[in-house]
């Protein structure tokens, strides 16, 4: 073997039984595989693809690639909890790529420059009715329209958006962003009928001559709890409170407000009440480590002046006096009563203990089954027990986030399209997943994640202005360039330069490389040099 430190050619395997010289046992093939960010995204977004286009400053092309899977990037760049970043391989080196921030940049650019949805679909003549103009309903309509179907959305509310409008405060999701992204979907030719409460689903299906129906009704019914209380009128559920804020009909809660619960909705209600001028405390039965809300929501609430009473339950309410029982956390993370009590003073209570589905619309439809919380049971095709009636988002058992709801919309559209064409949709088999240990990083640069700006805390506590700002073009470009392109060739020429036999040819920008297997010895130099694992070594048949 050569003493040259740059020689990446492996020595021949002399243990082989055949031949006295080097024998090729493997050969390289170029194979685009699955990055962990794509794998973790509930919408199935091809993140590496649009980040690559953004790296080249092809921003509209990146936007069009992004919205193949996710029609509302400016919204998701703000409210998605970005599981893609938790999976990002770069986190093993410095920090994850701020994927959501680049997504937001592209979404905001699209709104500013009025980029339309570019698609070409032949009309099929099929009609689909969607009940609910929230994230799942909008996404289903969007994807069905891209397939050529005629779609109509009906919603009982006076504005579209569902829980994005009534459950996410404006300081997290500005209303002009929400309304403009919905308007772009509507401009595709999708009809949205508001202030229309569907009373008889099957009758509307027949009357409108719809071929299929998708149910996307949000979880708008707050869960109650039995607490001895001499004034139940002082108790509001969080979803109703947030909705009332949006409709400018908010109840007067008094100066001291208690919020009971530890989820993201509890954080939204607490931070909203704080902005309305109240002194707010959150009461939660577990500790901070076991709360379901994302920790950054808790941190931001604390910064804004919300106080927390951990490991407490409300035992009873007597006027403005709330009796709390201290809890211990057992080895399974569950709260256990201690019999130790204390009191706090509050003028009103907001319950944020979860939401249920209103089953009024579906309870009498033949074949439709419900769980205890009102969610509807669906099969692998997202169809209920009634033929042609599909459901997704909050309507089915799942984690309730905007991104999961949009992912359901994409999935449901594929199954509805197949149903309309009298076939079964089969998902394309995923490529191998490329995790960090499969990368060949011969470089490990320190390039920390770009930080998004935020308005001062003193302003946050008294205003519904957006808290977190976006990246500049320069920052977004830098952030996109931090992507390792895991599993996907980005034409770095490493393989071309490493091959000692000249077996690899460059085909030109965007066309990749070609291997001349008559010259290739299977030395694996190209495979070892490829930083993103876009080359696989395949076993050769021995003669």
Protein backbone atom coordinates (compact mmCIF):
# COMPACT_ATOMS: atom_id res chain seq x y z
CA UNK A 1 0.00 0.00 0.00
CA UNK A 2 1.27 3.50 -0.82
CA UNK A 3 2.66 5.64 2.01
CA UNK A 4 0.95 8.70 0.53
CA UNK A 5 -1.57 9.96 3.14
CA UNK A 6 -3.95 11.02 0.36
CA UNK A 7 -4.14 7.56 -1.22
CA UNK A 8 -7.67 6.29 -0.46
CA UNK A 9 -7.33 3.07 -2.50
CA UNK A 10 -7.87 0.02 -0.30
CA UNK A 11 -5.40 -2.87 -0.54
CA UNK A 12 -6.53 -6.04 -2.36
CA UNK A 13 -8.20 -8.74 -0.30
CA UNK A 14 -5.67 -11.58 -0.42
CA UNK A 15 -7.98 -13.96 1.41
CA UNK A 16 -9.99 -14.52 -1.77
CA UNK A 17 -9.68 -18.04 -3.21
CA UNK A 18 -9.85 -16.96 -6.87
CA UNK A 19 -6.89 -15.38 -8.68
CA UNK A 20 -3.41 -14.25 -7.68
CA UNK A 21 -3.97 -10.49 -8.18
CA UNK A 22 -6.58 -7.97 -7.03
CA UNK A 23 -10.11 -9.12 -7.77
CA UNK A 24 -13.08 -6.74 -7.80
CA UNK A 25 -15.63 -7.89 -5.22
CA UNK A 26 -17.76 -4.75 -5.15
CA UNK A 27 -18.63 -1.92 -7.50
CA UNK A 28 -20.05 1.56 -6.88
CA UNK A 29 -23.47 2.82 -7.90
CA UNK A 30 -24.92 6.29 -7.39
CA UNK A 31 -28.01 6.02 -5.22
CA UNK A 32 -30.00 8.91 -3.77
CA UNK A 33 -31.24 7.85 -0.34
CA UNK A 34 -33.50 9.26 2.36
CA UNK A 35 -32.24 12.07 4.64
CA UNK A 36 -33.44 11.88 8.27
CA UNK A 37 -35.10 15.31 7.98
CA UNK A 38 -37.37 14.12 5.17
CA UNK A 39 -38.09 10.93 7.07
CA UNK A 40 -39.16 12.86 10.18
CA UNK A 41 -41.41 15.37 8.37
CA UNK A 42 -45.14 14.59 8.75
CA UNK A 43 -45.82 16.16 5.33
CA UNK A 44 -43.15 14.07 3.61
CA UNK A 45 -41.40 17.24 2.45
CA UNK A 46 -38.35 16.70 0.25
CA UNK A 47 -36.33 19.05 2.41
CA UNK A 48 -32.96 18.32 0.82
CA UNK A 49 -34.37 19.18 -2.62
CA UNK A 50 -35.64 22.65 -1.77
CA UNK A 51 -32.68 23.47 0.48
CA UNK A 52 -30.41 22.64 -2.46
CA UNK A 53 -32.35 25.00 -4.72
CA UNK A 54 -32.24 27.70 -2.03
CA UNK A 55 -28.46 27.23 -1.81
CA UNK A 56 -28.30 28.16 -5.48
CA UNK A 57 -30.48 31.23 -4.82
CA UNK A 58 -33.23 29.70 -6.96
CA UNK A 59 -35.84 30.82 -4.47
CA UNK A 60 -39.01 30.47 -6.54
CA UNK A 61 -37.91 27.04 -7.73
CA UNK A 62 -37.25 26.11 -4.08
CA UNK A 63 -40.71 27.38 -3.13
CA UNK A 64 -42.40 25.36 -5.88
CA UNK A 65 -40.49 22.24 -4.80
CA UNK A 66 -41.48 22.87 -1.17
CA UNK A 67 -45.20 23.23 -1.90
CA UNK A 68 -45.38 19.95 -3.76
CA UNK A 69 -45.88 18.51 -0.28
CA UNK A 70 -46.69 21.45 1.99
CA UNK A 71 -48.94 24.21 0.62
CA UNK A 72 -48.45 26.65 3.52
CA UNK A 73 -44.72 27.21 4.16
CA UNK A 74 -45.02 30.70 5.67
CA UNK A 75 -47.41 29.24 8.26
CA UNK A 76 -45.34 26.13 8.94
CA UNK A 77 -42.13 28.14 9.18
CA UNK A 78 -43.75 29.80 12.19
CA UNK A 79 -45.89 27.19 13.98
CA UNK A 80 -44.40 23.79 13.10
CA UNK A 81 -42.43 22.21 15.95
CA UNK A 82 -39.95 21.07 13.27
CA UNK A 83 -39.29 17.39 14.06
CA UNK A 84 -37.06 17.52 10.96
CA UNK A 85 -34.52 19.52 12.96
CA UNK A 86 -34.56 17.04 15.84
CA UNK A 87 -33.55 14.38 13.29
CA UNK A 88 -30.97 16.54 11.44
CA UNK A 89 -27.54 14.87 11.18
CA UNK A 90 -25.81 18.22 11.56
CA UNK A 91 -26.84 18.28 15.24
CA UNK A 92 -24.07 15.70 15.82
CA UNK A 93 -21.45 18.27 14.73
CA UNK A 94 -22.65 21.71 15.84
CA UNK A 95 -26.37 22.52 15.53
CA UNK A 96 -29.21 21.34 13.34
CA UNK A 97 -29.96 23.24 10.15
CA UNK A 98 -32.70 25.78 10.93
CA UNK A 99 -34.99 24.22 8.33
CA UNK A 100 -38.11 25.99 9.56
CA UNK A 101 -36.41 29.39 9.25
CA UNK A 102 -35.48 28.77 5.59
CA UNK A 103 -38.99 27.46 4.97
CA UNK A 104 -40.42 30.65 6.48
CA UNK A 105 -38.09 32.78 4.34
CA UNK A 106 -39.29 31.03 1.16
CA UNK A 107 -42.92 31.28 2.25
CA UNK A 108 -42.61 34.99 3.02
CA UNK A 109 -40.82 35.59 -0.28
CA UNK A 110 -43.69 33.87 -2.09
CA UNK A 111 -46.26 36.12 -0.40
CA UNK A 112 -44.23 39.26 -1.00
CA UNK A 113 -43.63 38.47 -4.68
CA UNK A 114 -47.06 36.85 -5.19
CA UNK A 115 -45.75 33.57 -6.56
CA UNK A 116 -48.73 31.39 -7.55
CA UNK A 117 -49.00 27.61 -7.24
CA UNK A 118 -47.65 26.38 -10.57
CA UNK A 119 -49.37 23.12 -11.54
CA UNK A 120 -50.91 21.53 -14.58
CA UNK A 121 -53.74 19.05 -14.15
CA UNK A 122 -56.43 17.86 -16.52
CA UNK A 123 -59.93 18.19 -14.98
CA UNK A 124 -61.29 14.79 -13.97
CA UNK A 125 -64.92 15.79 -13.58
CA UNK A 126 -64.95 14.34 -10.04
CA UNK A 127 -66.23 16.42 -7.13
CA UNK A 128 -65.10 16.23 -3.51
CA UNK A 129 -66.74 17.92 -0.51
CA UNK A 130 -64.52 18.86 2.43
CA UNK A 131 -66.01 19.75 5.81
CA UNK A 132 -63.68 22.08 7.69
CA UNK A 133 -61.33 24.82 6.44
CA UNK A 134 -58.54 24.08 8.89
CA UNK A 135 -55.06 22.81 7.99
CA UNK A 136 -56.14 19.26 7.14
CA UNK A 137 -59.11 20.36 5.03
CA UNK A 138 -57.10 23.00 3.18
CA UNK A 139 -54.24 20.58 2.48
CA UNK A 140 -56.60 17.88 1.21
CA UNK A 141 -58.32 20.37 -1.09
CA UNK A 142 -54.95 21.62 -2.35
CA UNK A 143 -53.61 18.17 -3.22
CA UNK A 144 -56.88 17.04 -4.79
CA UNK A 145 -56.92 20.16 -6.96
CA UNK A 146 -53.38 19.41 -8.11
CA UNK A 147 -54.73 16.04 -9.25
CA UNK A 148 -57.48 17.71 -11.31
CA UNK A 149 -60.50 17.20 -9.05
CA UNK A 150 -63.15 19.84 -8.32
CA UNK A 151 -63.15 20.67 -4.61
CA UNK A 152 -65.45 22.62 -2.31
CA UNK A 153 -64.77 23.37 1.36
CA UNK A 154 -67.59 24.22 3.76
CA UNK A 155 -66.99 25.64 7.23
CA UNK A 156 -69.27 26.96 9.98
CA UNK A 157 -66.85 29.74 10.96
CA UNK A 158 -66.82 33.27 9.52
CA UNK A 159 -63.19 32.87 8.37
CA UNK A 160 -61.07 29.99 7.06
CA UNK A 161 -58.14 28.53 8.94
CA UNK A 162 -59.81 26.42 11.62
CA UNK A 163 -57.65 25.94 14.68
CA UNK A 164 -54.85 27.92 13.02
CA UNK A 165 -57.15 30.93 13.32
CA UNK A 166 -58.93 30.11 16.57
CA UNK A 167 -56.26 28.13 18.45
CA UNK A 168 -52.93 29.79 17.58
CA UNK A 169 -52.52 33.36 18.83
CA UNK A 170 -51.51 36.16 16.47
CA UNK A 171 -48.18 36.67 18.22
CA UNK A 172 -47.17 33.25 16.86
CA UNK A 173 -49.06 33.41 13.56
CA UNK A 174 -49.87 36.87 12.16
CA UNK A 175 -53.30 36.91 10.56
CA UNK A 176 -52.17 38.46 7.29
CA UNK A 177 -49.76 35.54 6.76
CA UNK A 178 -52.53 33.03 7.47
CA UNK A 179 -55.09 34.77 5.26
CA UNK A 180 -52.72 35.25 2.33
CA UNK A 181 -51.58 31.64 2.26
CA UNK A 182 -55.22 30.50 2.32
CA UNK A 183 -56.01 32.99 -0.46
CA UNK A 184 -53.28 31.42 -2.63
CA UNK A 185 -54.91 28.00 -2.19
CA UNK A 186 -58.32 29.47 -2.98
CA UNK A 187 -56.90 31.10 -6.13
CA UNK A 188 -56.19 27.63 -7.54
CA UNK A 189 -59.93 27.34 -8.13
CA UNK A 190 -60.96 25.87 -4.78
CA UNK A 191 -64.31 27.09 -3.49
CA UNK A 192 -64.50 27.92 0.24
CA UNK A 193 -67.99 28.48 1.67
CA UNK A 194 -67.96 30.10 5.13
CA UNK A 195 -70.72 30.55 7.74
CA UNK A 196 -72.13 27.26 6.52
CA UNK A 197 -72.71 24.66 9.21
CA UNK A 198 -73.37 21.23 7.72
CA UNK A 199 -76.28 19.62 9.55
CA UNK A 200 -76.94 16.57 7.32
CA UNK A 201 -73.73 15.34 5.75
CA UNK A 202 -75.19 12.68 3.48
CA UNK A 203 -77.91 15.03 2.22
CA UNK A 204 -75.30 17.65 1.28
CA UNK A 205 -73.25 15.00 -0.49
CA UNK A 206 -76.22 13.97 -2.63
CA UNK A 207 -77.47 17.50 -3.25
CA UNK A 208 -74.02 18.74 -4.37
CA UNK A 209 -73.39 15.61 -6.47
CA UNK A 210 -70.13 14.96 -4.67
CA UNK A 211 -68.26 11.72 -5.35
CA UNK A 212 -66.45 11.66 -1.99
CA UNK A 213 -66.34 13.56 1.31
CA UNK A 214 -63.44 14.38 3.62
CA UNK A 215 -64.12 15.28 7.26
CA UNK A 216 -61.64 17.75 8.76
CA UNK A 217 -63.48 19.21 11.74
CA UNK A 218 -61.10 20.50 14.42
CA UNK A 219 -61.14 19.57 18.10
CA UNK A 220 -63.15 22.55 19.30
CA UNK A 221 -64.76 21.02 22.42
CA UNK A 222 -62.75 21.67 25.59
CA UNK A 223 -62.56 18.90 28.18
CA UNK A 224 -63.97 19.64 31.61
CA UNK A 225 -63.03 18.43 35.07
CA UNK A 226 -65.05 17.98 38.23
CA UNK A 227 -63.82 20.59 40.72
CA UNK A 228 -66.02 21.70 43.64
CA UNK A 229 -66.74 25.32 42.83
CA UNK A 230 -69.35 27.74 44.07
CA UNK A 231 -69.11 29.93 40.94
CA UNK A 232 -68.81 27.84 37.73
CA UNK A 233 -69.28 31.02 35.68
CA UNK A 234 -65.68 31.95 36.40
CA UNK A 235 -64.43 28.88 34.50
CA UNK A 236 -63.61 29.02 30.76
CA UNK A 237 -62.07 26.37 28.52
CA UNK A 238 -58.90 27.41 26.70
CA UNK A 239 -60.14 26.77 23.15
CA UNK A 240 -63.28 28.85 23.71
CA UNK A 241 -61.20 31.60 25.28
CA UNK A 242 -58.75 31.75 22.38
CA UNK A 243 -61.64 31.73 19.92
CA UNK A 244 -63.34 34.58 21.80
CA UNK A 245 -60.11 36.60 21.64
CA UNK A 246 -60.07 36.12 17.88
CA UNK A 247 -63.73 37.15 17.56
CA UNK A 248 -63.27 40.19 19.86
CA UNK A 249 -65.77 38.76 22.34
CA UNK A 250 -63.31 37.86 25.10
CA UNK A 251 -64.82 37.50 28.60
CA UNK A 252 -63.54 39.63 31.47
CA UNK A 253 -61.40 37.35 33.57
CA UNK A 254 -60.26 39.70 36.29
CA UNK A 255 -56.73 40.66 37.23
CA UNK A 256 -55.61 37.24 38.48
CA UNK A 257 -56.03 34.30 36.08
CA UNK A 258 -55.21 30.65 36.70
CA UNK A 259 -54.60 28.30 33.76
CA UNK A 260 -54.98 24.59 34.53
CA UNK A 261 -52.93 22.35 32.24
CA UNK A 262 -49.45 21.85 30.80
CA UNK A 263 -49.86 21.51 27.05
CA UNK A 264 -49.17 23.95 24.23
CA UNK A 265 -52.77 25.19 24.36
CA UNK A 266 -52.26 26.01 28.05
CA UNK A 267 -49.19 28.04 27.13
CA UNK A 268 -51.11 29.88 24.40
CA UNK A 269 -53.98 30.67 26.77
CA UNK A 270 -51.63 31.83 29.53
CA UNK A 271 -49.56 34.05 27.25
CA UNK A 272 -52.71 35.48 25.67
CA UNK A 273 -54.28 36.30 29.05
CA UNK A 274 -51.00 37.94 30.03
CA UNK A 275 -51.18 40.14 26.93
CA UNK A 276 -54.71 41.09 27.93
CA UNK A 277 -53.26 42.59 31.12
CA UNK A 278 -53.80 39.80 33.65
CA UNK A 279 -51.40 38.34 36.20
CA UNK A 280 -51.28 34.69 35.12
CA UNK A 281 -50.32 31.50 36.90
CA UNK A 282 -50.16 28.03 35.35
CA UNK A 283 -51.12 25.09 37.55
CA UNK A 284 -49.90 21.69 36.34
CA UNK A 285 -49.98 18.29 38.04
CA UNK A 286 -46.58 17.09 36.78
CA UNK A 287 -43.15 18.71 36.80
CA UNK A 288 -41.59 20.70 33.98
CA UNK A 289 -39.70 17.68 32.60
CA UNK A 290 -42.98 15.81 32.05
CA UNK A 291 -45.13 18.62 30.67
CA UNK A 292 -46.43 17.99 27.11
CA UNK A 293 -45.83 21.59 26.00
CA UNK A 294 -42.59 22.27 24.14
CA UNK A 295 -40.07 23.70 26.58
CA UNK A 296 -39.42 26.84 24.54
CA UNK A 297 -43.12 27.74 24.98
CA UNK A 298 -42.66 27.43 28.75
CA UNK A 299 -39.48 29.53 28.65
CA UNK A 300 -41.16 32.28 26.61
CA UNK A 301 -44.16 32.28 28.97
CA UNK A 302 -41.84 32.68 31.97
CA UNK A 303 -40.00 35.51 30.23
CA UNK A 304 -43.32 37.27 29.74
CA UNK A 305 -44.18 37.08 33.44
CA UNK A 306 -46.30 33.92 33.68
CA UNK A 307 -45.66 32.03 36.94
CA UNK A 308 -45.83 28.24 37.34
CA UNK A 309 -47.10 26.01 40.15
CA UNK A 310 -45.61 22.62 39.31
CA UNK A 311 -46.90 19.32 40.73
CA UNK A 312 -50.22 20.77 41.84
CA UNK A 313 -53.86 19.87 41.24
CA UNK A 314 -56.88 22.02 42.02
CA UNK A 315 -58.81 20.42 44.86
CA UNK A 316 -61.59 22.98 45.20
CA UNK A 317 -62.49 26.61 44.50
CA UNK A 318 -64.14 28.84 47.09
CA UNK A 319 -64.68 32.33 45.67
CA UNK A 320 -61.24 33.55 44.73
CA UNK A 321 -59.45 30.99 46.89
CA UNK A 322 -58.07 27.97 45.03
CA UNK A 323 -57.03 25.02 47.18
CA UNK A 324 -54.17 23.09 45.56
CA UNK A 325 -52.89 19.64 46.47
CA UNK A 326 -49.20 18.93 46.13
CA UNK A 327 -48.27 15.92 44.00
CA UNK A 328 -45.30 13.57 43.95
CA UNK A 329 -43.99 12.14 40.66
CA UNK A 330 -43.58 8.35 40.80
CA UNK A 331 -41.02 6.25 38.92
CA UNK A 332 -43.33 6.12 35.89
CA UNK A 333 -43.62 9.91 35.71
CA UNK A 334 -47.18 9.89 37.02
CA UNK A 335 -48.40 12.34 39.66
CA UNK A 336 -49.49 10.89 43.00
CA UNK A 337 -51.44 12.81 45.70
CA UNK A 338 -49.64 13.68 48.93
CA UNK A 339 -52.47 14.96 51.11
CA UNK A 340 -50.60 18.26 51.52
CA UNK A 341 -52.60 21.37 50.57
CA UNK A 342 -51.96 25.07 49.97
CA UNK A 343 -54.03 27.99 48.68
CA UNK A 344 -53.60 30.63 45.99
CA UNK A 345 -55.83 33.53 44.96
CA UNK A 346 -57.31 33.89 41.45
CA UNK A 347 -60.31 35.64 39.95
CA UNK A 348 -60.98 33.12 37.18
CA UNK A 349 -59.87 29.80 35.76
CA UNK A 350 -59.03 28.68 32.22
CA UNK A 351 -59.16 24.91 31.70
CA UNK A 352 -56.59 23.62 29.21
CA UNK A 353 -56.95 19.88 29.70
CA UNK A 354 -57.34 18.83 26.08
CA UNK A 355 -60.07 18.91 23.45
CA UNK A 356 -62.68 16.52 22.11
CA UNK A 357 -64.50 16.25 18.79
CA UNK A 358 -68.15 17.18 18.38
CA UNK A 359 -69.79 13.95 17.11
CA UNK A 360 -73.13 15.57 16.22
CA UNK A 361 -72.44 15.38 12.48
CA UNK A 362 -71.24 11.78 12.34
CA UNK A 363 -73.01 9.90 15.12
CA UNK A 364 -75.93 8.73 12.93
CA UNK A 365 -73.97 7.85 9.79
CA UNK A 366 -74.01 4.07 9.19
CA UNK A 367 -70.67 2.35 9.76
CA UNK A 368 -68.90 5.30 11.39
CA UNK A 369 -67.27 4.36 14.70
CA UNK A 370 -66.02 6.76 17.37
CA UNK A 371 -63.54 6.62 20.23
CA UNK A 372 -64.24 8.07 23.69
CA UNK A 373 -63.01 11.54 22.72
CA UNK A 374 -65.20 11.72 19.61
CA UNK A 375 -62.46 10.91 17.12
CA UNK A 376 -63.49 8.82 14.12
CA UNK A 377 -61.98 5.43 13.32
CA UNK A 378 -60.50 5.11 9.81
CA UNK A 379 -58.77 2.32 7.90
CA UNK A 380 -55.38 2.43 6.16
CA UNK A 381 -56.98 4.40 3.31
CA UNK A 382 -58.22 6.99 5.85
CA UNK A 383 -61.79 5.96 5.03
CA UNK A 384 -64.43 5.59 7.73
CA UNK A 385 -66.83 2.68 7.86
CA UNK A 386 -69.06 4.53 5.38
CA UNK A 387 -68.03 4.10 1.75
CA UNK A 388 -66.55 7.28 0.26
CA UNK A 389 -66.40 9.15 3.60
CA UNK A 390 -62.82 9.93 4.64
CA UNK A 391 -61.46 11.73 7.72
CA UNK A 392 -58.18 13.18 8.99
CA UNK A 393 -56.51 15.78 11.17
CA UNK A 394 -58.04 16.25 14.62
CA UNK A 395 -60.94 14.03 13.51
CA UNK A 396 -58.82 10.87 13.84
CA UNK A 397 -56.64 9.59 16.72
CA UNK A 398 -53.27 11.38 16.40
CA UNK A 399 -51.05 14.08 17.85
CA UNK A 400 -52.75 17.41 17.17
CA UNK A 401 -50.38 19.72 15.34
CA UNK A 402 -50.74 21.77 12.17
CA UNK A 403 -48.02 19.77 10.42
CA UNK A 404 -49.56 16.39 11.20
CA UNK A 405 -52.92 17.69 9.99
CA UNK A 406 -51.36 18.87 6.70
CA UNK A 407 -49.61 15.51 6.35
CA UNK A 408 -53.00 13.82 6.76
CA UNK A 409 -54.37 16.07 4.02
CA UNK A 410 -51.69 14.96 1.57
CA UNK A 411 -52.19 11.30 2.46
CA UNK A 412 -55.99 11.54 2.31
CA UNK A 413 -55.86 13.22 -1.11
CA UNK A 414 -53.86 10.30 -2.49
CA UNK A 415 -56.35 7.78 -1.12
CA UNK A 416 -59.39 9.80 -2.24
CA UNK A 417 -57.88 10.15 -5.73
CA UNK A 418 -57.37 6.38 -5.85
CA UNK A 419 -60.96 5.79 -4.64
CA UNK A 420 -62.31 8.08 -7.35
CA UNK A 421 -60.31 6.12 -9.92
CA UNK A 422 -61.45 2.75 -8.50
CA UNK A 423 -58.02 1.63 -7.37
CA UNK A 424 -55.93 1.40 -4.19
CA UNK A 425 -53.14 3.89 -3.51
CA UNK A 426 -49.82 2.24 -2.69
CA UNK A 427 -47.10 4.41 -1.24
CA UNK A 428 -43.70 4.31 -2.94
CA UNK A 429 -41.20 2.28 -0.93
CA UNK A 430 -38.83 4.55 0.95
CA UNK A 431 -35.12 4.59 0.15
CA UNK A 432 -32.56 3.61 2.82
CA UNK A 433 -32.29 6.11 5.68
CA UNK A 434 -28.92 7.84 5.94
CA UNK A 435 -28.14 8.61 9.57
CA UNK A 436 -25.00 10.34 10.85
CA UNK A 437 -22.92 7.15 11.16
CA UNK A 438 -23.31 6.54 7.41
CA UNK A 439 -21.85 9.89 6.40
CA UNK A 440 -18.17 10.19 5.41
CA UNK A 441 -17.46 13.68 6.66
CA UNK A 442 -13.87 14.48 5.90
CA UNK A 443 -14.68 18.03 6.99
CA UNK A 444 -16.38 19.15 10.19
CA UNK A 445 -16.70 22.91 10.08
CA UNK A 446 -18.16 24.90 12.94
CA UNK A 447 -21.00 26.96 11.49
CA UNK A 448 -23.57 27.64 14.18
CA UNK A 449 -27.26 27.93 13.40
CA UNK A 450 -28.52 31.38 12.40
CA UNK A 451 -30.49 32.99 15.20
CA UNK A 452 -33.88 34.51 14.44
CA UNK A 453 -34.55 37.95 15.94
CA UNK A 454 -37.21 38.47 18.62
CA UNK A 455 -38.97 41.56 19.93
CA UNK A 456 -38.09 42.70 23.49
CA UNK A 457 -39.80 40.89 26.37
CA UNK A 458 -41.28 44.13 27.72
CA UNK A 459 -43.13 44.61 24.43
CA UNK A 460 -44.17 40.94 24.15
CA UNK A 461 -46.15 40.99 27.37
CA UNK A 462 -48.43 43.79 26.21
CA UNK A 463 -48.71 43.25 22.45
CA UNK A 464 -49.93 40.66 19.96
CA UNK A 465 -47.14 41.61 17.56
CA UNK A 466 -45.23 38.64 16.17
CA UNK A 467 -42.60 37.57 18.70
CA UNK A 468 -40.07 35.83 16.43
CA UNK A 469 -38.79 37.46 13.24
CA UNK A 470 -37.48 35.90 10.05
CA UNK A 471 -34.00 35.55 8.58
CA UNK A 472 -32.58 37.97 6.05
CA UNK A 473 -31.80 36.65 2.57
CA UNK A 474 -28.11 36.42 3.46
CA UNK A 475 -28.88 34.49 6.66
CA UNK A 476 -31.34 32.17 4.91
CA UNK A 477 -28.77 31.45 2.19
CA UNK A 478 -26.11 30.70 4.81
CA UNK A 479 -28.53 28.45 6.68
CA UNK A 480 -29.46 26.50 3.51
CA UNK A 481 -25.75 26.03 2.80
CA UNK A 482 -25.28 24.34 6.20
CA UNK A 483 -27.21 21.30 4.87
CA UNK A 484 -25.07 18.15 4.46
CA UNK A 485 -27.31 16.84 1.63
CA UNK A 486 -27.47 13.50 3.45
CA UNK A 487 -27.92 10.60 1.03
CA UNK A 488 -28.15 12.87 -2.02
CA UNK A 489 -25.36 13.77 -4.45
CA UNK A 490 -24.61 17.49 -4.58
CA UNK A 491 -21.84 17.14 -7.19
CA UNK A 492 -18.90 18.05 -4.99
CA UNK A 493 -16.54 16.16 -7.38
CA UNK A 494 -15.05 14.20 -4.47
CA UNK A 495 -15.61 10.87 -6.20
CA UNK A 496 -14.24 12.21 -9.48
CA UNK A 497 -11.08 13.44 -7.81
CA UNK A 498 -10.57 10.33 -5.69
CA UNK A 499 -10.80 7.67 -8.41
CA UNK A 500 -7.22 6.45 -9.12
CA UNK A 501 -8.19 4.82 -12.43
CA UNK A 502 -10.16 7.60 -14.13
CA UNK A 503 -13.29 5.45 -14.11
CA UNK A 504 -15.64 8.33 -13.20
CA UNK A 505 -16.85 10.93 -15.71
CA UNK A 506 -18.64 14.19 -14.93
CA UNK A 507 -21.81 14.52 -17.00
CA UNK A 508 -22.36 18.25 -16.41
CA UNK A 509 -24.12 20.38 -13.81
CA UNK A 510 -27.27 18.72 -12.54
CA UNK A 511 -26.55 15.46 -14.40
CA UNK A 512 -24.26 13.75 -11.92
CA UNK A 513 -21.57 11.19 -12.81
CA UNK A 514 -21.04 7.98 -14.79
CA UNK A 515 -18.86 5.02 -13.85
CA UNK A 516 -16.88 3.10 -16.47
CA UNK A 517 -16.97 -0.35 -14.93
CA UNK A 518 -14.31 -1.62 -17.34
CA UNK A 519 -11.86 0.67 -15.55
CA UNK A 520 -13.30 0.40 -12.03
CA UNK A 521 -11.46 -1.96 -9.66
CA UNK A 522 -13.94 -1.60 -6.79
CA UNK A 523 -11.33 0.03 -4.58
CA UNK A 524 -14.00 2.08 -2.72
CA UNK A 525 -12.05 5.34 -2.96
CA UNK A 526 -15.10 7.12 -4.42
CA UNK A 527 -17.36 5.63 -1.74
CA UNK A 528 -15.01 6.68 1.07
CA UNK A 529 -14.62 10.17 -0.35
CA UNK A 530 -18.38 10.81 -0.82
CA UNK A 531 -19.30 12.90 2.25
CA UNK A 532 -23.08 12.49 1.96
CA UNK A 533 -23.27 8.72 1.25
CA UNK A 534 -24.74 9.09 -2.24
CA UNK A 535 -22.70 6.08 -3.43
CA UNK A 536 -23.36 2.47 -2.44
CA UNK A 537 -20.92 -0.40 -2.91
CA UNK A 538 -22.75 -3.38 -4.39
CA UNK A 539 -21.39 -6.92 -4.25
CA UNK A 540 -20.06 -8.19 -7.58
CA UNK A 541 -20.74 -11.75 -8.71
CA UNK A 542 -17.58 -13.84 -8.51
CA UNK A 543 -16.71 -15.92 -11.57
